[in-house]
N, C-alpha and C. Protein backbone atom coordinates (compact mmCIF):
# COMPACT_ATOMS: atom_id res chain seq x y z
N MET A 1 183.44 -16.69 234.09
CA MET A 1 184.25 -16.67 232.89
C MET A 1 184.94 -18.01 232.74
N LEU A 2 184.98 -18.51 231.54
CA LEU A 2 185.62 -19.78 231.24
C LEU A 2 187.11 -19.57 231.14
N SER A 3 187.89 -20.29 231.92
CA SER A 3 189.34 -20.16 231.85
C SER A 3 189.91 -21.31 231.04
N MET A 4 191.12 -21.13 230.58
CA MET A 4 191.77 -22.16 229.78
C MET A 4 191.98 -23.43 230.60
N ASP A 5 192.02 -23.31 231.94
CA ASP A 5 192.18 -24.49 232.80
C ASP A 5 190.97 -25.42 232.73
N MET A 6 189.81 -24.87 232.37
CA MET A 6 188.58 -25.66 232.31
C MET A 6 188.47 -26.45 231.00
N ILE A 7 189.32 -26.12 230.04
CA ILE A 7 189.25 -26.75 228.72
C ILE A 7 190.18 -27.95 228.70
N PRO A 8 189.69 -29.13 228.28
CA PRO A 8 190.57 -30.30 228.21
C PRO A 8 191.80 -30.03 227.34
N ARG A 9 192.89 -30.71 227.65
CA ARG A 9 194.16 -30.46 226.96
C ARG A 9 194.09 -30.60 225.45
N GLY A 10 193.35 -31.54 224.94
CA GLY A 10 193.29 -31.78 223.50
C GLY A 10 192.71 -30.63 222.70
N ILE A 11 191.97 -29.76 223.37
CA ILE A 11 191.36 -28.64 222.65
C ILE A 11 191.82 -27.30 223.21
N SER A 12 192.99 -27.27 223.83
CA SER A 12 193.46 -26.07 224.52
C SER A 12 193.71 -24.89 223.58
N ARG A 13 193.81 -25.11 222.29
CA ARG A 13 194.03 -24.01 221.36
C ARG A 13 192.75 -23.26 221.03
N MET A 14 191.64 -23.81 221.43
CA MET A 14 190.36 -23.15 221.17
C MET A 14 190.13 -22.06 222.20
N THR A 15 189.57 -20.96 221.75
CA THR A 15 189.31 -19.85 222.65
C THR A 15 188.09 -20.15 223.52
N PRO A 16 187.99 -19.49 224.66
CA PRO A 16 186.80 -19.69 225.50
C PRO A 16 185.51 -19.34 224.77
N ASN A 17 185.53 -18.33 223.91
CA ASN A 17 184.33 -17.99 223.16
C ASN A 17 183.92 -19.12 222.22
N PHE A 18 184.91 -19.72 221.55
CA PHE A 18 184.61 -20.84 220.65
C PHE A 18 183.99 -22.00 221.43
N VAL A 19 184.59 -22.32 222.55
CA VAL A 19 184.09 -23.43 223.38
C VAL A 19 182.67 -23.12 223.85
N ALA A 20 182.42 -21.88 224.25
CA ALA A 20 181.10 -21.50 224.73
C ALA A 20 180.05 -21.63 223.63
N TYR A 21 180.36 -21.15 222.44
CA TYR A 21 179.39 -21.25 221.35
C TYR A 21 179.24 -22.69 220.85
N ALA A 22 180.31 -23.47 220.93
CA ALA A 22 180.19 -24.90 220.59
C ALA A 22 179.28 -25.60 221.60
N ALA A 23 179.43 -25.26 222.88
CA ALA A 23 178.57 -25.83 223.92
C ALA A 23 177.12 -25.40 223.69
N LEU A 24 176.92 -24.15 223.29
CA LEU A 24 175.57 -23.66 223.01
C LEU A 24 174.96 -24.42 221.83
N ALA A 25 175.76 -24.65 220.80
CA ALA A 25 175.26 -25.42 219.65
C ALA A 25 174.87 -26.84 220.07
N LEU A 26 175.69 -27.47 220.90
CA LEU A 26 175.34 -28.80 221.41
C LEU A 26 174.08 -28.75 222.25
N ALA A 27 173.94 -27.72 223.07
CA ALA A 27 172.74 -27.58 223.90
C ALA A 27 171.49 -27.51 223.02
N ILE A 28 171.59 -26.80 221.92
CA ILE A 28 170.45 -26.67 221.01
C ILE A 28 170.13 -28.02 220.37
N VAL A 29 171.14 -28.71 219.87
CA VAL A 29 170.93 -30.01 219.23
C VAL A 29 170.34 -31.01 220.23
N PHE A 30 170.88 -31.02 221.46
CA PHE A 30 170.35 -31.92 222.49
C PHE A 30 168.90 -31.60 222.83
N GLU A 31 168.56 -30.31 222.90
CA GLU A 31 167.20 -29.91 223.24
C GLU A 31 166.22 -30.30 222.15
N VAL A 32 166.59 -30.11 220.90
CA VAL A 32 165.72 -30.48 219.78
C VAL A 32 165.53 -32.00 219.75
N THR A 33 166.61 -32.73 219.99
CA THR A 33 166.53 -34.19 220.04
C THR A 33 165.61 -34.63 221.18
N ALA A 34 165.75 -33.99 222.34
CA ALA A 34 164.88 -34.32 223.48
C ALA A 34 163.42 -34.05 223.14
N SER A 35 163.17 -32.95 222.45
CA SER A 35 161.78 -32.63 222.07
C SER A 35 161.21 -33.67 221.12
N ALA A 36 162.03 -34.17 220.22
CA ALA A 36 161.57 -35.23 219.32
C ALA A 36 161.23 -36.49 220.11
N PHE A 37 162.06 -36.82 221.10
CA PHE A 37 161.76 -37.98 221.94
C PHE A 37 160.53 -37.72 222.81
N LEU A 38 160.30 -36.48 223.19
CA LEU A 38 159.09 -36.15 223.95
C LEU A 38 157.85 -36.52 223.13
N GLN A 39 157.88 -36.20 221.84
CA GLN A 39 156.77 -36.57 220.96
C GLN A 39 156.62 -38.09 220.90
N GLN A 40 157.73 -38.80 220.84
CA GLN A 40 157.70 -40.26 220.73
C GLN A 40 157.35 -40.95 222.05
N SER A 41 157.46 -40.23 223.16
CA SER A 41 157.21 -40.86 224.46
C SER A 41 155.73 -41.15 224.71
N ALA A 42 154.86 -40.58 223.88
CA ALA A 42 153.41 -40.77 224.04
C ALA A 42 152.97 -40.44 225.47
N GLN A 43 153.25 -39.20 225.87
CA GLN A 43 152.92 -38.71 227.21
C GLN A 43 153.52 -39.58 228.31
N PHE A 44 154.78 -39.95 228.12
CA PHE A 44 155.58 -40.72 229.08
C PHE A 44 155.09 -42.15 229.27
N THR A 45 154.36 -42.68 228.32
CA THR A 45 153.88 -44.06 228.44
C THR A 45 154.85 -45.06 227.80
N ARG A 46 155.82 -44.58 227.04
CA ARG A 46 156.81 -45.47 226.42
C ARG A 46 158.15 -45.22 227.10
N PRO A 47 158.67 -46.22 227.86
CA PRO A 47 159.87 -46.00 228.67
C PRO A 47 161.12 -45.63 227.88
N GLY A 48 161.36 -46.25 226.74
CA GLY A 48 162.58 -45.97 225.97
C GLY A 48 162.67 -44.51 225.54
N PRO A 49 161.68 -44.02 224.78
CA PRO A 49 161.73 -42.61 224.39
C PRO A 49 161.69 -41.64 225.58
N THR A 50 161.00 -42.03 226.65
CA THR A 50 160.95 -41.17 227.84
C THR A 50 162.33 -41.04 228.47
N LEU A 51 163.04 -42.15 228.61
CA LEU A 51 164.39 -42.12 229.17
C LEU A 51 165.33 -41.32 228.26
N ALA A 52 165.24 -41.53 226.95
CA ALA A 52 166.07 -40.77 226.01
C ALA A 52 165.78 -39.28 226.13
N MET A 53 164.51 -38.93 226.24
CA MET A 53 164.12 -37.52 226.38
C MET A 53 164.77 -36.90 227.61
N VAL A 54 164.69 -37.59 228.74
CA VAL A 54 165.27 -37.07 229.99
C VAL A 54 166.78 -36.90 229.84
N MET A 55 167.43 -37.89 229.26
CA MET A 55 168.89 -37.83 229.09
C MET A 55 169.29 -36.66 228.19
N PHE A 56 168.57 -36.45 227.10
CA PHE A 56 168.91 -35.36 226.20
C PHE A 56 168.60 -33.99 226.82
N TYR A 57 167.53 -33.88 227.60
CA TYR A 57 167.27 -32.61 228.28
C TYR A 57 168.35 -32.31 229.32
N VAL A 58 168.77 -33.31 230.06
CA VAL A 58 169.85 -33.10 231.04
C VAL A 58 171.13 -32.68 230.32
N ALA A 59 171.46 -33.37 229.23
CA ALA A 59 172.65 -33.01 228.46
C ALA A 59 172.54 -31.59 227.90
N SER A 60 171.35 -31.22 227.47
CA SER A 60 171.13 -29.88 226.94
C SER A 60 171.38 -28.81 228.00
N PHE A 61 170.82 -29.01 229.17
CA PHE A 61 171.00 -28.02 230.22
C PHE A 61 172.44 -27.98 230.72
N TYR A 62 173.11 -29.13 230.73
CA TYR A 62 174.53 -29.12 231.09
C TYR A 62 175.33 -28.31 230.07
N ALA A 63 175.12 -28.57 228.79
CA ALA A 63 175.84 -27.83 227.75
C ALA A 63 175.50 -26.33 227.82
N LEU A 64 174.25 -26.00 228.10
CA LEU A 64 173.87 -24.60 228.25
C LEU A 64 174.60 -23.98 229.45
N SER A 65 174.76 -24.74 230.52
CA SER A 65 175.47 -24.21 231.69
C SER A 65 176.94 -23.95 231.38
N VAL A 66 177.52 -24.76 230.50
CA VAL A 66 178.91 -24.51 230.06
C VAL A 66 178.95 -23.23 229.23
N ALA A 67 177.99 -23.07 228.36
CA ALA A 67 177.95 -21.89 227.49
C ALA A 67 177.83 -20.59 228.29
N ILE A 68 177.03 -20.60 229.35
CA ILE A 68 176.80 -19.34 230.08
C ILE A 68 177.95 -18.98 231.01
N ARG A 69 179.00 -19.76 231.00
CA ARG A 69 180.22 -19.34 231.70
C ARG A 69 180.84 -18.14 230.98
N VAL A 70 180.58 -18.04 229.68
CA VAL A 70 181.14 -16.96 228.86
C VAL A 70 180.05 -16.07 228.27
N ILE A 71 179.02 -16.69 227.73
CA ILE A 71 177.94 -15.94 227.08
C ILE A 71 176.93 -15.53 228.14
N PRO A 72 176.52 -14.26 228.18
CA PRO A 72 175.50 -13.85 229.16
C PRO A 72 174.24 -14.72 229.00
N LEU A 73 173.62 -15.05 230.12
CA LEU A 73 172.44 -15.92 230.11
C LEU A 73 171.36 -15.42 229.16
N SER A 74 171.09 -14.13 229.19
CA SER A 74 170.02 -13.59 228.34
C SER A 74 170.30 -13.81 226.86
N ILE A 75 171.55 -13.68 226.45
CA ILE A 75 171.92 -13.88 225.05
C ILE A 75 171.89 -15.37 224.71
N ALA A 76 172.50 -16.18 225.56
CA ALA A 76 172.54 -17.63 225.31
C ALA A 76 171.13 -18.20 225.24
N TYR A 77 170.27 -17.76 226.14
CA TYR A 77 168.91 -18.30 226.17
C TYR A 77 168.12 -17.86 224.94
N ALA A 78 168.34 -16.62 224.49
CA ALA A 78 167.65 -16.14 223.28
C ALA A 78 168.07 -16.96 222.06
N ILE A 79 169.36 -17.23 221.95
CA ILE A 79 169.85 -18.03 220.82
C ILE A 79 169.35 -19.46 220.95
N TRP A 80 169.45 -20.03 222.13
CA TRP A 80 169.02 -21.41 222.39
C TRP A 80 167.54 -21.58 222.05
N GLY A 81 166.73 -20.65 222.53
CA GLY A 81 165.29 -20.72 222.28
C GLY A 81 164.96 -20.48 220.82
N GLY A 82 165.54 -19.44 220.23
CA GLY A 82 165.23 -19.08 218.85
C GLY A 82 165.63 -20.16 217.85
N VAL A 83 166.87 -20.59 217.93
CA VAL A 83 167.34 -21.63 217.01
C VAL A 83 166.63 -22.95 217.31
N GLY A 84 166.39 -23.21 218.59
CA GLY A 84 165.68 -24.43 218.97
C GLY A 84 164.27 -24.48 218.39
N ILE A 85 163.58 -23.34 218.37
CA ILE A 85 162.23 -23.29 217.79
C ILE A 85 162.27 -23.62 216.30
N ILE A 86 163.22 -23.03 215.59
CA ILE A 86 163.33 -23.28 214.15
C ILE A 86 163.62 -24.75 213.88
N LEU A 87 164.60 -25.29 214.59
CA LEU A 87 164.96 -26.69 214.37
C LEU A 87 163.85 -27.65 214.81
N THR A 88 163.19 -27.33 215.91
CA THR A 88 162.08 -28.18 216.37
C THR A 88 160.94 -28.16 215.36
N ALA A 89 160.63 -27.00 214.81
CA ALA A 89 159.59 -26.92 213.78
C ALA A 89 159.98 -27.73 212.55
N THR A 90 161.26 -27.67 212.18
CA THR A 90 161.75 -28.43 211.03
C THR A 90 161.67 -29.92 211.29
N VAL A 91 162.14 -30.35 212.45
CA VAL A 91 162.10 -31.77 212.81
C VAL A 91 160.65 -32.25 212.90
N SER A 92 159.78 -31.43 213.44
CA SER A 92 158.36 -31.80 213.54
C SER A 92 157.74 -32.01 212.17
N PHE A 93 158.13 -31.18 211.23
CA PHE A 93 157.61 -31.34 209.86
C PHE A 93 158.19 -32.59 209.20
N VAL A 94 159.50 -32.76 209.29
CA VAL A 94 160.17 -33.87 208.60
C VAL A 94 159.81 -35.22 209.22
N LEU A 95 159.87 -35.33 210.53
CA LEU A 95 159.65 -36.63 211.17
C LEU A 95 158.19 -36.95 211.45
N PHE A 96 157.43 -35.92 211.83
CA PHE A 96 156.07 -36.17 212.29
C PHE A 96 154.99 -35.60 211.37
N ARG A 97 155.42 -35.00 210.26
CA ARG A 97 154.49 -34.41 209.26
C ARG A 97 153.53 -33.39 209.87
N GLN A 98 154.03 -32.63 210.84
CA GLN A 98 153.22 -31.59 211.46
C GLN A 98 153.42 -30.29 210.68
N MET A 99 152.33 -29.76 210.15
CA MET A 99 152.37 -28.57 209.32
C MET A 99 152.21 -27.30 210.16
N LEU A 100 152.80 -26.22 209.68
CA LEU A 100 152.64 -24.91 210.30
C LEU A 100 151.80 -24.03 209.38
N ASP A 101 150.99 -23.16 209.99
CA ASP A 101 150.22 -22.21 209.17
C ASP A 101 151.02 -20.93 208.99
N SER A 102 150.46 -19.97 208.23
CA SER A 102 151.21 -18.74 207.96
C SER A 102 151.49 -17.93 209.21
N ALA A 103 150.59 -17.92 210.16
CA ALA A 103 150.83 -17.18 211.40
C ALA A 103 152.03 -17.76 212.15
N ALA A 104 152.15 -19.08 212.14
CA ALA A 104 153.30 -19.72 212.80
C ALA A 104 154.60 -19.34 212.10
N PHE A 105 154.59 -19.32 210.78
CA PHE A 105 155.79 -18.91 210.03
C PHE A 105 156.17 -17.46 210.33
N VAL A 106 155.19 -16.59 210.40
CA VAL A 106 155.46 -15.18 210.72
C VAL A 106 156.05 -15.07 212.13
N GLY A 107 155.47 -15.79 213.07
CA GLY A 107 155.98 -15.77 214.44
C GLY A 107 157.41 -16.27 214.53
N ILE A 108 157.71 -17.35 213.84
CA ILE A 108 159.07 -17.89 213.83
C ILE A 108 160.02 -16.90 213.17
N ALA A 109 159.58 -16.24 212.09
CA ALA A 109 160.41 -15.23 211.43
C ALA A 109 160.73 -14.07 212.37
N LEU A 110 159.75 -13.67 213.19
CA LEU A 110 160.00 -12.61 214.16
C LEU A 110 161.01 -13.04 215.22
N ILE A 111 160.92 -14.29 215.65
CA ILE A 111 161.89 -14.81 216.62
C ILE A 111 163.29 -14.82 216.01
N VAL A 112 163.40 -15.29 214.78
CA VAL A 112 164.69 -15.30 214.09
C VAL A 112 165.24 -13.88 213.97
N SER A 113 164.37 -12.94 213.62
CA SER A 113 164.79 -11.54 213.51
C SER A 113 165.36 -11.04 214.83
N GLY A 114 164.71 -11.39 215.92
CA GLY A 114 165.20 -10.99 217.24
C GLY A 114 166.56 -11.56 217.56
N VAL A 115 166.78 -12.84 217.25
CA VAL A 115 168.08 -13.47 217.49
C VAL A 115 169.16 -12.81 216.64
N VAL A 116 168.84 -12.52 215.38
CA VAL A 116 169.81 -11.86 214.49
C VAL A 116 170.15 -10.47 215.02
N ILE A 117 169.15 -9.71 215.42
CA ILE A 117 169.39 -8.36 215.95
C ILE A 117 170.27 -8.42 217.19
N ILE A 118 169.99 -9.35 218.09
CA ILE A 118 170.82 -9.49 219.29
C ILE A 118 172.26 -9.75 218.91
N ASN A 119 172.48 -10.71 218.00
CA ASN A 119 173.84 -11.10 217.66
C ASN A 119 174.59 -10.04 216.87
N LEU A 120 173.89 -9.28 216.05
CA LEU A 120 174.56 -8.27 215.24
C LEU A 120 174.76 -6.94 215.95
N PHE A 121 173.81 -6.54 216.78
CA PHE A 121 173.82 -5.18 217.28
C PHE A 121 173.96 -5.04 218.79
N SER A 122 173.72 -6.08 219.55
CA SER A 122 173.78 -5.95 221.01
C SER A 122 175.23 -5.90 221.48
N GLU A 123 175.51 -4.97 222.37
CA GLU A 123 176.84 -4.91 222.97
C GLU A 123 176.99 -5.96 224.06
N THR A 124 175.91 -6.59 224.45
CA THR A 124 175.94 -7.64 225.46
C THR A 124 176.46 -8.96 224.88
N ALA A 125 176.24 -9.17 223.58
CA ALA A 125 176.65 -10.42 222.94
C ALA A 125 178.16 -10.57 222.96
N VAL A 126 178.62 -11.79 223.18
CA VAL A 126 180.06 -12.11 223.20
C VAL A 126 180.48 -12.48 221.79
N ARG A 127 181.52 -11.82 221.31
CA ARG A 127 182.00 -12.12 219.95
C ARG A 127 183.40 -12.65 219.98
């Protein structure tokens, strides 16, 4: 459980749940950014994008570890994975012009549905 002692003084008015979900949001953004650099690394042959990818993945897992101090791992990972898939697909389309077919859209919609169901109806989710 995240205690108020773990939160820096400047943000002490924020609740542990807020900090956990903010950390989860950062973990998602870092993971999507790392995935974009993975594409740019050309199978680890370009040092700059490869180093950026590693740094963003490390930052992502650190932020995820902060989030799971409050949010159960199963819930945090479902949100991280689900939202990460949507954002990664969006970034892949915008930056790399990678198209998805209808089956991919249906699959992503099912993942989104699962994340929504967990957050709305699961008693395990932290609110």
